[in-house]
mmCIF file of all heavy atoms, coordinates in Angstrom:
data_MODEL
# 
_entry.id   MODEL 
# 
loop_
_atom_site.group_PDB 
_atom_site.id 
_atom_site.type_symbol 
_atom_site.label_atom_id 
_atom_site.label_alt_id 
_atom_site.label_comp_id 
_atom_site.label_asym_id 
_atom_site.label_entity_id 
_atom_site.label_seq_id 
_atom_site.pdbx_PDB_ins_code 
_atom_site.Cartn_x 
_atom_site.Cartn_y 
_atom_site.Cartn_z 
_atom_site.occupancy 
_atom_site.B_iso_or_equiv 
_atom_site.pdbx_formal_charge 
_atom_site.auth_seq_id 
_atom_site.auth_comp_id 
_atom_site.auth_asym_id 
_atom_site.auth_atom_id 
_atom_site.pdbx_PDB_model_num 
ATOM 1   N N   . GLY A 1 1  ? -75.460 38.071 51.948 1.00 0.00 ? 1  GLY A N   1 
ATOM 2   C CA  . GLY A 1 1  ? -76.212 36.883 52.331 1.00 0.00 ? 1  GLY A CA  1 
ATOM 3   C C   . GLY A 1 1  ? -76.147 35.900 51.174 1.00 0.00 ? 1  GLY A C   1 
ATOM 4   O O   . GLY A 1 1  ? -75.169 35.861 50.424 1.00 0.00 ? 1  GLY A O   1 
ATOM 5   N N   . THR A 1 2  ? -77.193 35.149 50.998 1.00 0.00 ? 2  THR A N   1 
ATOM 6   C CA  . THR A 1 2  ? -77.217 34.215 49.885 1.00 0.00 ? 2  THR A CA  1 
ATOM 7   C C   . THR A 1 2  ? -77.342 35.001 48.585 1.00 0.00 ? 2  THR A C   1 
ATOM 8   O O   . THR A 1 2  ? -78.238 35.820 48.433 1.00 0.00 ? 2  THR A O   1 
ATOM 9   C CB  . THR A 1 2  ? -78.396 33.233 50.018 1.00 0.00 ? 2  THR A CB  1 
ATOM 10  O OG1 . THR A 1 2  ? -78.303 32.583 51.281 1.00 0.00 ? 2  THR A OG1 1 
ATOM 11  C CG2 . THR A 1 2  ? -78.365 32.194 48.911 1.00 0.00 ? 2  THR A CG2 1 
ATOM 12  N N   . ILE A 1 3  ? -76.421 34.738 47.688 1.00 0.00 ? 3  ILE A N   1 
ATOM 13  C CA  . ILE A 1 3  ? -76.406 35.450 46.417 1.00 0.00 ? 3  ILE A CA  1 
ATOM 14  C C   . ILE A 1 3  ? -77.198 34.634 45.404 1.00 0.00 ? 3  ILE A C   1 
ATOM 15  O O   . ILE A 1 3  ? -77.029 33.417 45.285 1.00 0.00 ? 3  ILE A O   1 
ATOM 16  C CB  . ILE A 1 3  ? -74.960 35.698 45.945 1.00 0.00 ? 3  ILE A CB  1 
ATOM 17  C CG1 . ILE A 1 3  ? -74.235 36.555 46.995 1.00 0.00 ? 3  ILE A CG1 1 
ATOM 18  C CG2 . ILE A 1 3  ? -74.951 36.387 44.588 1.00 0.00 ? 3  ILE A CG2 1 
ATOM 19  C CD1 . ILE A 1 3  ? -72.767 36.756 46.725 1.00 0.00 ? 3  ILE A CD1 1 
ATOM 20  N N   . ASP A 1 4  ? -78.072 35.323 44.693 1.00 0.00 ? 4  ASP A N   1 
ATOM 21  C CA  . ASP A 1 4  ? -78.963 34.674 43.731 1.00 0.00 ? 4  ASP A CA  1 
ATOM 22  C C   . ASP A 1 4  ? -78.186 34.317 42.461 1.00 0.00 ? 4  ASP A C   1 
ATOM 23  O O   . ASP A 1 4  ? -78.010 35.134 41.568 1.00 0.00 ? 4  ASP A O   1 
ATOM 24  C CB  . ASP A 1 4  ? -80.137 35.598 43.397 1.00 0.00 ? 4  ASP A CB  1 
ATOM 25  C CG  . ASP A 1 4  ? -81.247 34.873 42.663 1.00 0.00 ? 4  ASP A CG  1 
ATOM 26  O OD1 . ASP A 1 4  ? -81.056 33.693 42.293 1.00 0.00 ? 4  ASP A OD1 1 
ATOM 27  O OD2 . ASP A 1 4  ? -82.313 35.486 42.470 1.00 0.00 ? 4  ASP A OD2 1 
ATOM 28  N N   . THR A 1 5  ? -77.707 33.086 42.431 1.00 0.00 ? 5  THR A N   1 
ATOM 29  C CA  . THR A 1 5  ? -76.981 32.574 41.276 1.00 0.00 ? 5  THR A CA  1 
ATOM 30  C C   . THR A 1 5  ? -77.591 31.242 40.863 1.00 0.00 ? 5  THR A C   1 
ATOM 31  O O   . THR A 1 5  ? -78.227 30.563 41.691 1.00 0.00 ? 5  THR A O   1 
ATOM 32  C CB  . THR A 1 5  ? -75.490 32.353 41.602 1.00 0.00 ? 5  THR A CB  1 
ATOM 33  O OG1 . THR A 1 5  ? -75.391 31.345 42.621 1.00 0.00 ? 5  THR A OG1 1 
ATOM 34  C CG2 . THR A 1 5  ? -74.812 33.639 42.052 1.00 0.00 ? 5  THR A CG2 1 
ATOM 35  N N   . PRO A 1 6  ? -77.399 30.832 39.633 1.00 0.00 ? 6  PRO A N   1 
ATOM 36  C CA  . PRO A 1 6  ? -77.922 29.529 39.224 1.00 0.00 ? 6  PRO A CA  1 
ATOM 37  C C   . PRO A 1 6  ? -77.435 28.372 40.102 1.00 0.00 ? 6  PRO A C   1 
ATOM 38  O O   . PRO A 1 6  ? -78.247 27.504 40.476 1.00 0.00 ? 6  PRO A O   1 
ATOM 39  C CB  . PRO A 1 6  ? -77.458 29.393 37.767 1.00 0.00 ? 6  PRO A CB  1 
ATOM 40  C CG  . PRO A 1 6  ? -77.400 30.814 37.276 1.00 0.00 ? 6  PRO A CG  1 
ATOM 41  C CD  . PRO A 1 6  ? -76.883 31.588 38.470 1.00 0.00 ? 6  PRO A CD  1 
ATOM 42  N N   . PRO A 1 7  ? -76.149 28.309 40.478 1.00 0.00 ? 7  PRO A N   1 
ATOM 43  C CA  . PRO A 1 7  ? -75.738 27.204 41.356 1.00 0.00 ? 7  PRO A CA  1 
ATOM 44  C C   . PRO A 1 7  ? -76.442 27.213 42.716 1.00 0.00 ? 7  PRO A C   1 
ATOM 45  O O   . PRO A 1 7  ? -76.818 26.155 43.228 1.00 0.00 ? 7  PRO A O   1 
ATOM 46  C CB  . PRO A 1 7  ? -74.227 27.421 41.521 1.00 0.00 ? 7  PRO A CB  1 
ATOM 47  C CG  . PRO A 1 7  ? -73.804 28.166 40.301 1.00 0.00 ? 7  PRO A CG  1 
ATOM 48  C CD  . PRO A 1 7  ? -74.971 29.069 39.991 1.00 0.00 ? 7  PRO A CD  1 
ATOM 49  N N   . ASN A 1 8  ? -76.637 28.413 43.307 1.00 0.00 ? 8  ASN A N   1 
ATOM 50  C CA  . ASN A 1 8  ? -77.337 28.465 44.596 1.00 0.00 ? 8  ASN A CA  1 
ATOM 51  C C   . ASN A 1 8  ? -78.785 28.030 44.452 1.00 0.00 ? 8  ASN A C   1 
ATOM 52  O O   . ASN A 1 8  ? -79.324 27.345 45.325 1.00 0.00 ? 8  ASN A O   1 
ATOM 53  C CB  . ASN A 1 8  ? -77.251 29.864 45.204 1.00 0.00 ? 8  ASN A CB  1 
ATOM 54  C CG  . ASN A 1 8  ? -75.929 30.109 45.890 1.00 0.00 ? 8  ASN A CG  1 
ATOM 55  O OD1 . ASN A 1 8  ? -75.197 29.170 46.202 1.00 0.00 ? 8  ASN A OD1 1 
ATOM 56  N ND2 . ASN A 1 8  ? -75.605 31.367 46.118 1.00 0.00 ? 8  ASN A ND2 1 
ATOM 57  N N   . ARG A 1 9  ? -79.427 28.422 43.370 1.00 0.00 ? 9  ARG A N   1 
ATOM 58  C CA  . ARG A 1 9  ? -80.812 27.981 43.148 1.00 0.00 ? 9  ARG A CA  1 
ATOM 59  C C   . ARG A 1 9  ? -80.876 26.468 42.969 1.00 0.00 ? 9  ARG A C   1 
ATOM 60  O O   . ARG A 1 9  ? -81.786 25.814 43.475 1.00 0.00 ? 9  ARG A O   1 
ATOM 61  C CB  . ARG A 1 9  ? -81.418 28.695 41.940 1.00 0.00 ? 9  ARG A CB  1 
ATOM 62  C CG  . ARG A 1 9  ? -81.813 30.125 42.257 1.00 0.00 ? 9  ARG A CG  1 
ATOM 63  C CD  . ARG A 1 9  ? -82.462 30.796 41.049 1.00 0.00 ? 9  ARG A CD  1 
ATOM 64  N NE  . ARG A 1 9  ? -82.890 32.130 41.401 1.00 0.00 ? 9  ARG A NE  1 
ATOM 65  C CZ  . ARG A 1 9  ? -84.155 32.467 41.661 1.00 0.00 ? 9  ARG A CZ  1 
ATOM 66  N NH1 . ARG A 1 9  ? -85.102 31.559 41.596 1.00 0.00 ? 9  ARG A NH1 1 
ATOM 67  N NH2 . ARG A 1 9  ? -84.465 33.704 41.985 1.00 0.00 ? 9  ARG A NH2 1 
ATOM 68  N N   . ALA A 1 10 ? -79.894 25.914 42.260 1.00 0.00 ? 10 ALA A N   1 
ATOM 69  C CA  . ALA A 1 10 ? -79.870 24.459 42.047 1.00 0.00 ? 10 ALA A CA  1 
ATOM 70  C C   . ALA A 1 10 ? -79.603 23.708 43.350 1.00 0.00 ? 10 ALA A C   1 
ATOM 71  O O   . ALA A 1 10 ? -80.197 22.653 43.598 1.00 0.00 ? 10 ALA A O   1 
ATOM 72  C CB  . ALA A 1 10 ? -78.814 24.098 41.008 1.00 0.00 ? 10 ALA A CB  1 
ATOM 73  N N   . ASP A 1 11 ? -78.730 24.264 44.191 1.00 0.00 ? 11 ASP A N   1 
ATOM 74  C CA  . ASP A 1 11 ? -78.383 23.604 45.449 1.00 0.00 ? 11 ASP A CA  1 
ATOM 75  C C   . ASP A 1 11 ? -79.459 23.738 46.519 1.00 0.00 ? 11 ASP A C   1 
ATOM 76  O O   . ASP A 1 11 ? -79.503 22.951 47.456 1.00 0.00 ? 11 ASP A O   1 
ATOM 77  C CB  . ASP A 1 11 ? -77.074 24.165 46.000 1.00 0.00 ? 11 ASP A CB  1 
ATOM 78  C CG  . ASP A 1 11 ? -75.863 23.740 45.187 1.00 0.00 ? 11 ASP A CG  1 
ATOM 79  O OD1 . ASP A 1 11 ? -75.982 22.794 44.378 1.00 0.00 ? 11 ASP A OD1 1 
ATOM 80  O OD2 . ASP A 1 11 ? -74.797 24.364 45.368 1.00 0.00 ? 11 ASP A OD2 1 
ATOM 81  N N   . MET A 1 12 ? -80.315 24.770 46.392 1.00 0.00 ? 12 MET A N   1 
ATOM 82  C CA  . MET A 1 12 ? -81.354 25.022 47.399 1.00 0.00 ? 12 MET A CA  1 
ATOM 83  C C   . MET A 1 12 ? -82.708 25.212 46.715 1.00 0.00 ? 12 MET A C   1 
ATOM 84  O O   . MET A 1 12 ? -83.300 26.291 46.753 1.00 0.00 ? 12 MET A O   1 
ATOM 85  C CB  . MET A 1 12 ? -80.981 26.263 48.225 1.00 0.00 ? 12 MET A CB  1 
ATOM 86  C CG  . MET A 1 12 ? -79.710 26.094 49.005 1.00 0.00 ? 12 MET A CG  1 
ATOM 87  S SD  . MET A 1 12 ? -79.248 27.578 49.936 1.00 0.00 ? 12 MET A SD  1 
ATOM 88  C CE  . MET A 1 12 ? -78.184 28.396 48.739 1.00 0.00 ? 12 MET A CE  1 
ATOM 89  N N   . PRO A 1 13 ? -83.209 24.161 46.060 1.00 0.00 ? 13 PRO A N   1 
ATOM 90  C CA  . PRO A 1 13 ? -84.430 24.301 45.253 1.00 0.00 ? 13 PRO A CA  1 
ATOM 91  C C   . PRO A 1 13 ? -85.684 24.678 46.045 1.00 0.00 ? 13 PRO A C   1 
ATOM 92  O O   . PRO A 1 13 ? -86.620 25.230 45.477 1.00 0.00 ? 13 PRO A O   1 
ATOM 93  C CB  . PRO A 1 13 ? -84.586 22.936 44.594 1.00 0.00 ? 13 PRO A CB  1 
ATOM 94  C CG  . PRO A 1 13 ? -83.848 21.991 45.480 1.00 0.00 ? 13 PRO A CG  1 
ATOM 95  C CD  . PRO A 1 13 ? -82.717 22.789 46.065 1.00 0.00 ? 13 PRO A CD  1 
ATOM 96  N N   . LYS A 1 14 ? -85.715 24.404 47.332 1.00 0.00 ? 14 LYS A N   1 
ATOM 97  C CA  . LYS A 1 14 ? -86.905 24.705 48.135 1.00 0.00 ? 14 LYS A CA  1 
ATOM 98  C C   . LYS A 1 14 ? -86.800 26.041 48.877 1.00 0.00 ? 14 LYS A C   1 
ATOM 99  O O   . LYS A 1 14 ? -87.713 26.426 49.599 1.00 0.00 ? 14 LYS A O   1 
ATOM 100 C CB  . LYS A 1 14 ? -87.157 23.582 49.140 1.00 0.00 ? 14 LYS A CB  1 
ATOM 101 C CG  . LYS A 1 14 ? -87.491 22.259 48.480 1.00 0.00 ? 14 LYS A CG  1 
ATOM 102 C CD  . LYS A 1 14 ? -87.734 21.186 49.497 1.00 0.00 ? 14 LYS A CD  1 
ATOM 103 C CE  . LYS A 1 14 ? -88.027 19.877 48.792 1.00 0.00 ? 14 LYS A CE  1 
ATOM 104 N NZ  . LYS A 1 14 ? -88.241 18.790 49.739 1.00 0.00 ? 14 LYS A NZ  1 
ATOM 105 N N   . ALA A 1 15 ? -85.707 26.743 48.695 1.00 0.00 ? 15 ALA A N   1 
ATOM 106 C CA  . ALA A 1 15 ? -85.485 27.995 49.426 1.00 0.00 ? 15 ALA A CA  1 
ATOM 107 C C   . ALA A 1 15 ? -86.381 29.108 48.895 1.00 0.00 ? 15 ALA A C   1 
ATOM 108 O O   . ALA A 1 15 ? -86.732 29.141 47.715 1.00 0.00 ? 15 ALA A O   1 
ATOM 109 C CB  . ALA A 1 15 ? -84.029 28.410 49.306 1.00 0.00 ? 15 ALA A CB  1 
ATOM 110 N N   . ASP A 1 16 ? -86.729 30.014 49.784 1.00 0.00 ? 16 ASP A N   1 
ATOM 111 C CA  . ASP A 1 16 ? -87.442 31.232 49.394 1.00 0.00 ? 16 ASP A CA  1 
ATOM 112 C C   . ASP A 1 16 ? -86.390 32.206 48.875 1.00 0.00 ? 16 ASP A C   1 
ATOM 113 O O   . ASP A 1 16 ? -85.604 32.754 49.640 1.00 0.00 ? 16 ASP A O   1 
ATOM 114 C CB  . ASP A 1 16 ? -88.171 31.815 50.598 1.00 0.00 ? 16 ASP A CB  1 
ATOM 115 C CG  . ASP A 1 16 ? -88.836 33.149 50.298 1.00 0.00 ? 16 ASP A CG  1 
ATOM 116 O OD1 . ASP A 1 16 ? -88.860 33.568 49.121 1.00 0.00 ? 16 ASP A OD1 1 
ATOM 117 O OD2 . ASP A 1 16 ? -89.331 33.767 51.253 1.00 0.00 ? 16 ASP A OD2 1 
ATOM 118 N N   . THR A 1 17 ? -86.387 32.419 47.588 1.00 0.00 ? 17 THR A N   1 
ATOM 119 C CA  . THR A 1 17 ? -85.352 33.255 46.960 1.00 0.00 ? 17 THR A CA  1 
ATOM 120 C C   . THR A 1 17 ? -85.764 34.717 46.846 1.00 0.00 ? 17 THR A C   1 
ATOM 121 O O   . THR A 1 17 ? -85.019 35.521 46.300 1.00 0.00 ? 17 THR A O   1 
ATOM 122 C CB  . THR A 1 17 ? -85.023 32.720 45.558 1.00 0.00 ? 17 THR A CB  1 
ATOM 123 O OG1 . THR A 1 17 ? -86.206 32.773 44.756 1.00 0.00 ? 17 THR A OG1 1 
ATOM 124 C CG2 . THR A 1 17 ? -84.513 31.294 45.615 1.00 0.00 ? 17 THR A CG2 1 
ATOM 125 N N   . SER A 1 18 ? -86.913 35.064 47.381 1.00 0.00 ? 18 SER A N   1 
ATOM 126 C CA  . SER A 1 18 ? -87.441 36.413 47.185 1.00 0.00 ? 18 SER A CA  1 
ATOM 127 C C   . SER A 1 18 ? -86.560 37.506 47.795 1.00 0.00 ? 18 SER A C   1 
ATOM 128 O O   . SER A 1 18 ? -86.632 38.652 47.372 1.00 0.00 ? 18 SER A O   1 
ATOM 129 C CB  . SER A 1 18 ? -88.858 36.522 47.753 1.00 0.00 ? 18 SER A CB  1 
ATOM 130 O OG  . SER A 1 18 ? -88.850 36.320 49.156 1.00 0.00 ? 18 SER A OG  1 
ATOM 131 N N   . ARG A 1 19 ? -85.731 37.174 48.769 1.00 0.00 ? 19 ARG A N   1 
ATOM 132 C CA  . ARG A 1 19 ? -84.890 38.187 49.408 1.00 0.00 ? 19 ARG A CA  1 
ATOM 133 C C   . ARG A 1 19 ? -83.403 37.966 49.151 1.00 0.00 ? 19 ARG A C   1 
ATOM 134 O O   . ARG A 1 19 ? -82.565 38.643 49.725 1.00 0.00 ? 19 ARG A O   1 
ATOM 135 C CB  . ARG A 1 19 ? -85.184 38.227 50.900 1.00 0.00 ? 19 ARG A CB  1 
ATOM 136 C CG  . ARG A 1 19 ? -86.659 38.565 51.144 1.00 0.00 ? 19 ARG A CG  1 
ATOM 137 C CD  . ARG A 1 19 ? -86.946 38.754 52.575 1.00 0.00 ? 19 ARG A CD  1 
ATOM 138 N NE  . ARG A 1 19 ? -86.992 40.198 52.775 1.00 0.00 ? 19 ARG A NE  1 
ATOM 139 C CZ  . ARG A 1 19 ? -87.205 40.765 53.929 1.00 0.00 ? 19 ARG A CZ  1 
ATOM 140 N NH1 . ARG A 1 19 ? -87.348 40.041 54.999 1.00 0.00 ? 19 ARG A NH1 1 
ATOM 141 N NH2 . ARG A 1 19 ? -87.256 42.071 54.027 1.00 0.00 ? 19 ARG A NH2 1 
ATOM 142 N N   . TRP A 1 20 ? -83.083 37.007 48.314 1.00 0.00 ? 20 TRP A N   1 
ATOM 143 C CA  . TRP A 1 20 ? -81.683 36.811 47.962 1.00 0.00 ? 20 TRP A CA  1 
ATOM 144 C C   . TRP A 1 20 ? -81.213 38.030 47.180 1.00 0.00 ? 20 TRP A C   1 
ATOM 145 O O   . TRP A 1 20 ? -81.980 38.676 46.474 1.00 0.00 ? 20 TRP A O   1 
ATOM 146 C CB  . TRP A 1 20 ? -81.507 35.575 47.105 1.00 0.00 ? 20 TRP A CB  1 
ATOM 147 C CG  . TRP A 1 20 ? -81.659 34.265 47.834 1.00 0.00 ? 20 TRP A CG  1 
ATOM 148 C CD1 . TRP A 1 20 ? -82.075 34.077 49.118 1.00 0.00 ? 20 TRP A CD1 1 
ATOM 149 C CD2 . TRP A 1 20 ? -81.415 32.981 47.303 1.00 0.00 ? 20 TRP A CD2 1 
ATOM 150 N NE1 . TRP A 1 20 ? -82.103 32.744 49.415 1.00 0.00 ? 20 TRP A NE1 1 
ATOM 151 C CE2 . TRP A 1 20 ? -81.701 32.040 48.303 1.00 0.00 ? 20 TRP A CE2 1 
ATOM 152 C CE3 . TRP A 1 20 ? -80.990 32.506 46.071 1.00 0.00 ? 20 TRP A CE3 1 
ATOM 153 C CZ2 . TRP A 1 20 ? -81.553 30.678 48.131 1.00 0.00 ? 20 TRP A CZ2 1 
ATOM 154 C CZ3 . TRP A 1 20 ? -80.839 31.149 45.883 1.00 0.00 ? 20 TRP A CZ3 1 
ATOM 155 C CH2 . TRP A 1 20 ? -81.122 30.239 46.901 1.00 0.00 ? 20 TRP A CH2 1 
ATOM 156 N N   . VAL A 1 21 ? -79.951 38.341 47.290 1.00 0.00 ? 21 VAL A N   1 
ATOM 157 C CA  . VAL A 1 21 ? -79.404 39.480 46.576 1.00 0.00 ? 21 VAL A CA  1 
ATOM 158 C C   . VAL A 1 21 ? -78.704 39.006 45.304 1.00 0.00 ? 21 VAL A C   1 
ATOM 159 O O   . VAL A 1 21 ? -78.148 37.915 45.262 1.00 0.00 ? 21 VAL A O   1 
ATOM 160 C CB  . VAL A 1 21 ? -78.435 40.303 47.454 1.00 0.00 ? 21 VAL A CB  1 
ATOM 161 C CG1 . VAL A 1 21 ? -79.184 40.949 48.596 1.00 0.00 ? 21 VAL A CG1 1 
ATOM 162 C CG2 . VAL A 1 21 ? -77.289 39.460 47.968 1.00 0.00 ? 21 VAL A CG2 1 
ATOM 163 N N   . THR A 1 22 ? -78.767 39.844 44.296 1.00 0.00 ? 22 THR A N   1 
ATOM 164 C CA  . THR A 1 22 ? -78.103 39.503 43.041 1.00 0.00 ? 22 THR A CA  1 
ATOM 165 C C   . THR A 1 22 ? -76.638 39.938 43.110 1.00 0.00 ? 22 THR A C   1 
ATOM 166 O O   . THR A 1 22 ? -76.278 40.819 43.899 1.00 0.00 ? 22 THR A O   1 
ATOM 167 C CB  . THR A 1 22 ? -78.775 40.210 41.848 1.00 0.00 ? 22 THR A CB  1 
ATOM 168 O OG1 . THR A 1 22 ? -78.577 41.623 41.989 1.00 0.00 ? 22 THR A OG1 1 
ATOM 169 C CG2 . THR A 1 22 ? -80.266 39.877 41.775 1.00 0.00 ? 22 THR A CG2 1 
ATOM 170 N N   . PRO A 1 23 ? -75.800 39.345 42.271 1.00 0.00 ? 23 PRO A N   1 
ATOM 171 C CA  . PRO A 1 23 ? -74.412 39.809 42.219 1.00 0.00 ? 23 PRO A CA  1 
ATOM 172 C C   . PRO A 1 23 ? -74.339 41.311 41.914 1.00 0.00 ? 23 PRO A C   1 
ATOM 173 O O   . PRO A 1 23 ? -73.490 42.018 42.473 1.00 0.00 ? 23 PRO A O   1 
ATOM 174 C CB  . PRO A 1 23 ? -73.800 38.973 41.097 1.00 0.00 ? 23 PRO A CB  1 
ATOM 175 C CG  . PRO A 1 23 ? -74.603 37.709 41.097 1.00 0.00 ? 23 PRO A CG  1 
ATOM 176 C CD  . PRO A 1 23 ? -76.009 38.163 41.426 1.00 0.00 ? 23 PRO A CD  1 
ATOM 177 N N   . ALA A 1 24 ? -75.221 41.798 41.064 1.00 0.00 ? 24 ALA A N   1 
ATOM 178 C CA  . ALA A 1 24 ? -75.232 43.225 40.717 1.00 0.00 ? 24 ALA A CA  1 
ATOM 179 C C   . ALA A 1 24 ? -75.552 44.090 41.934 1.00 0.00 ? 24 ALA A C   1 
ATOM 180 O O   . ALA A 1 24 ? -74.980 45.175 42.103 1.00 0.00 ? 24 ALA A O   1 
ATOM 181 C CB  . ALA A 1 24 ? -76.230 43.495 39.601 1.00 0.00 ? 24 ALA A CB  1 
ATOM 182 N N   . GLN A 1 25 ? -76.434 43.632 42.799 1.00 0.00 ? 25 GLN A N   1 
ATOM 183 C CA  . GLN A 1 25 ? -76.775 44.397 44.000 1.00 0.00 ? 25 GLN A CA  1 
ATOM 184 C C   . GLN A 1 25 ? -75.595 44.468 44.966 1.00 0.00 ? 25 GLN A C   1 
ATOM 185 O O   . GLN A 1 25 ? -75.343 45.510 45.573 1.00 0.00 ? 25 GLN A O   1 
ATOM 186 C CB  . GLN A 1 25 ? -78.011 43.800 44.687 1.00 0.00 ? 25 GLN A CB  1 
ATOM 187 C CG  . GLN A 1 25 ? -79.281 44.015 43.890 1.00 0.00 ? 25 GLN A CG  1 
ATOM 188 C CD  . GLN A 1 25 ? -80.437 43.171 44.398 1.00 0.00 ? 25 GLN A CD  1 
ATOM 189 O OE1 . GLN A 1 25 ? -80.252 42.040 44.851 1.00 0.00 ? 25 GLN A OE1 1 
ATOM 190 N NE2 . GLN A 1 25 ? -81.638 43.727 44.320 1.00 0.00 ? 25 GLN A NE2 1 
ATOM 191 N N   . VAL A 1 26 ? -74.875 43.376 45.093 1.00 0.00 ? 26 VAL A N   1 
ATOM 192 C CA  . VAL A 1 26 ? -73.681 43.383 45.936 1.00 0.00 ? 26 VAL A CA  1 
ATOM 193 C C   . VAL A 1 26 ? -72.646 44.337 45.338 1.00 0.00 ? 26 VAL A C   1 
ATOM 194 O O   . VAL A 1 26 ? -72.026 45.131 46.048 1.00 0.00 ? 26 VAL A O   1 
ATOM 195 C CB  . VAL A 1 26 ? -73.106 41.961 46.103 1.00 0.00 ? 26 VAL A CB  1 
ATOM 196 C CG1 . VAL A 1 26 ? -71.808 41.995 46.903 1.00 0.00 ? 26 VAL A CG1 1 
ATOM 197 C CG2 . VAL A 1 26 ? -74.116 41.032 46.772 1.00 0.00 ? 26 VAL A CG2 1 
ATOM 198 N N   . ALA A 1 27 ? -72.487 44.285 44.022 1.00 0.00 ? 27 ALA A N   1 
ATOM 199 C CA  . ALA A 1 27 ? -71.536 45.173 43.342 1.00 0.00 ? 27 ALA A CA  1 
ATOM 200 C C   . ALA A 1 27 ? -71.910 46.640 43.534 1.00 0.00 ? 27 ALA A C   1 
ATOM 201 O O   . ALA A 1 27 ? -71.023 47.494 43.714 1.00 0.00 ? 27 ALA A O   1 
ATOM 202 C CB  . ALA A 1 27 ? -71.471 44.832 41.860 1.00 0.00 ? 27 ALA A CB  1 
ATOM 203 N N   . GLU A 1 28 ? -73.206 46.955 43.526 1.00 0.00 ? 28 GLU A N   1 
ATOM 204 C CA  . GLU A 1 28 ? -73.648 48.338 43.745 1.00 0.00 ? 28 GLU A CA  1 
ATOM 205 C C   . GLU A 1 28 ? -73.215 48.849 45.111 1.00 0.00 ? 28 GLU A C   1 
ATOM 206 O O   . GLU A 1 28 ? -72.799 50.004 45.248 1.00 0.00 ? 28 GLU A O   1 
ATOM 207 C CB  . GLU A 1 28 ? -75.170 48.444 43.622 1.00 0.00 ? 28 GLU A CB  1 
ATOM 208 C CG  . GLU A 1 28 ? -75.683 48.340 42.216 1.00 0.00 ? 28 GLU A CG  1 
ATOM 209 C CD  . GLU A 1 28 ? -77.205 48.309 42.158 1.00 0.00 ? 28 GLU A CD  1 
ATOM 210 O OE1 . GLU A 1 28 ? -77.867 48.415 43.213 1.00 0.00 ? 28 GLU A OE1 1 
ATOM 211 O OE2 . GLU A 1 28 ? -77.732 48.165 41.047 1.00 0.00 ? 28 GLU A OE2 1 
ATOM 212 N N   . VAL A 1 29 ? -73.313 48.007 46.121 1.00 0.00 ? 29 VAL A N   1 
ATOM 213 C CA  . VAL A 1 29 ? -72.904 48.400 47.467 1.00 0.00 ? 29 VAL A CA  1 
ATOM 214 C C   . VAL A 1 29 ? -71.392 48.644 47.499 1.00 0.00 ? 29 VAL A C   1 
ATOM 215 O O   . VAL A 1 29 ? -70.918 49.634 48.069 1.00 0.00 ? 29 VAL A O   1 
ATOM 216 C CB  . VAL A 1 29 ? -73.314 47.331 48.501 1.00 0.00 ? 29 VAL A CB  1 
ATOM 217 C CG1 . VAL A 1 29 ? -72.700 47.617 49.862 1.00 0.00 ? 29 VAL A CG1 1 
ATOM 218 C CG2 . VAL A 1 29 ? -74.823 47.237 48.592 1.00 0.00 ? 29 VAL A CG2 1 
# 
């Protein structure tokens, strides 16, 4: 889904980021 990165946070400042996945979480899968 939406990956929690600085560019995504900057592009979507009003988004609820509480369920975004980190790059590390995707890598774990």
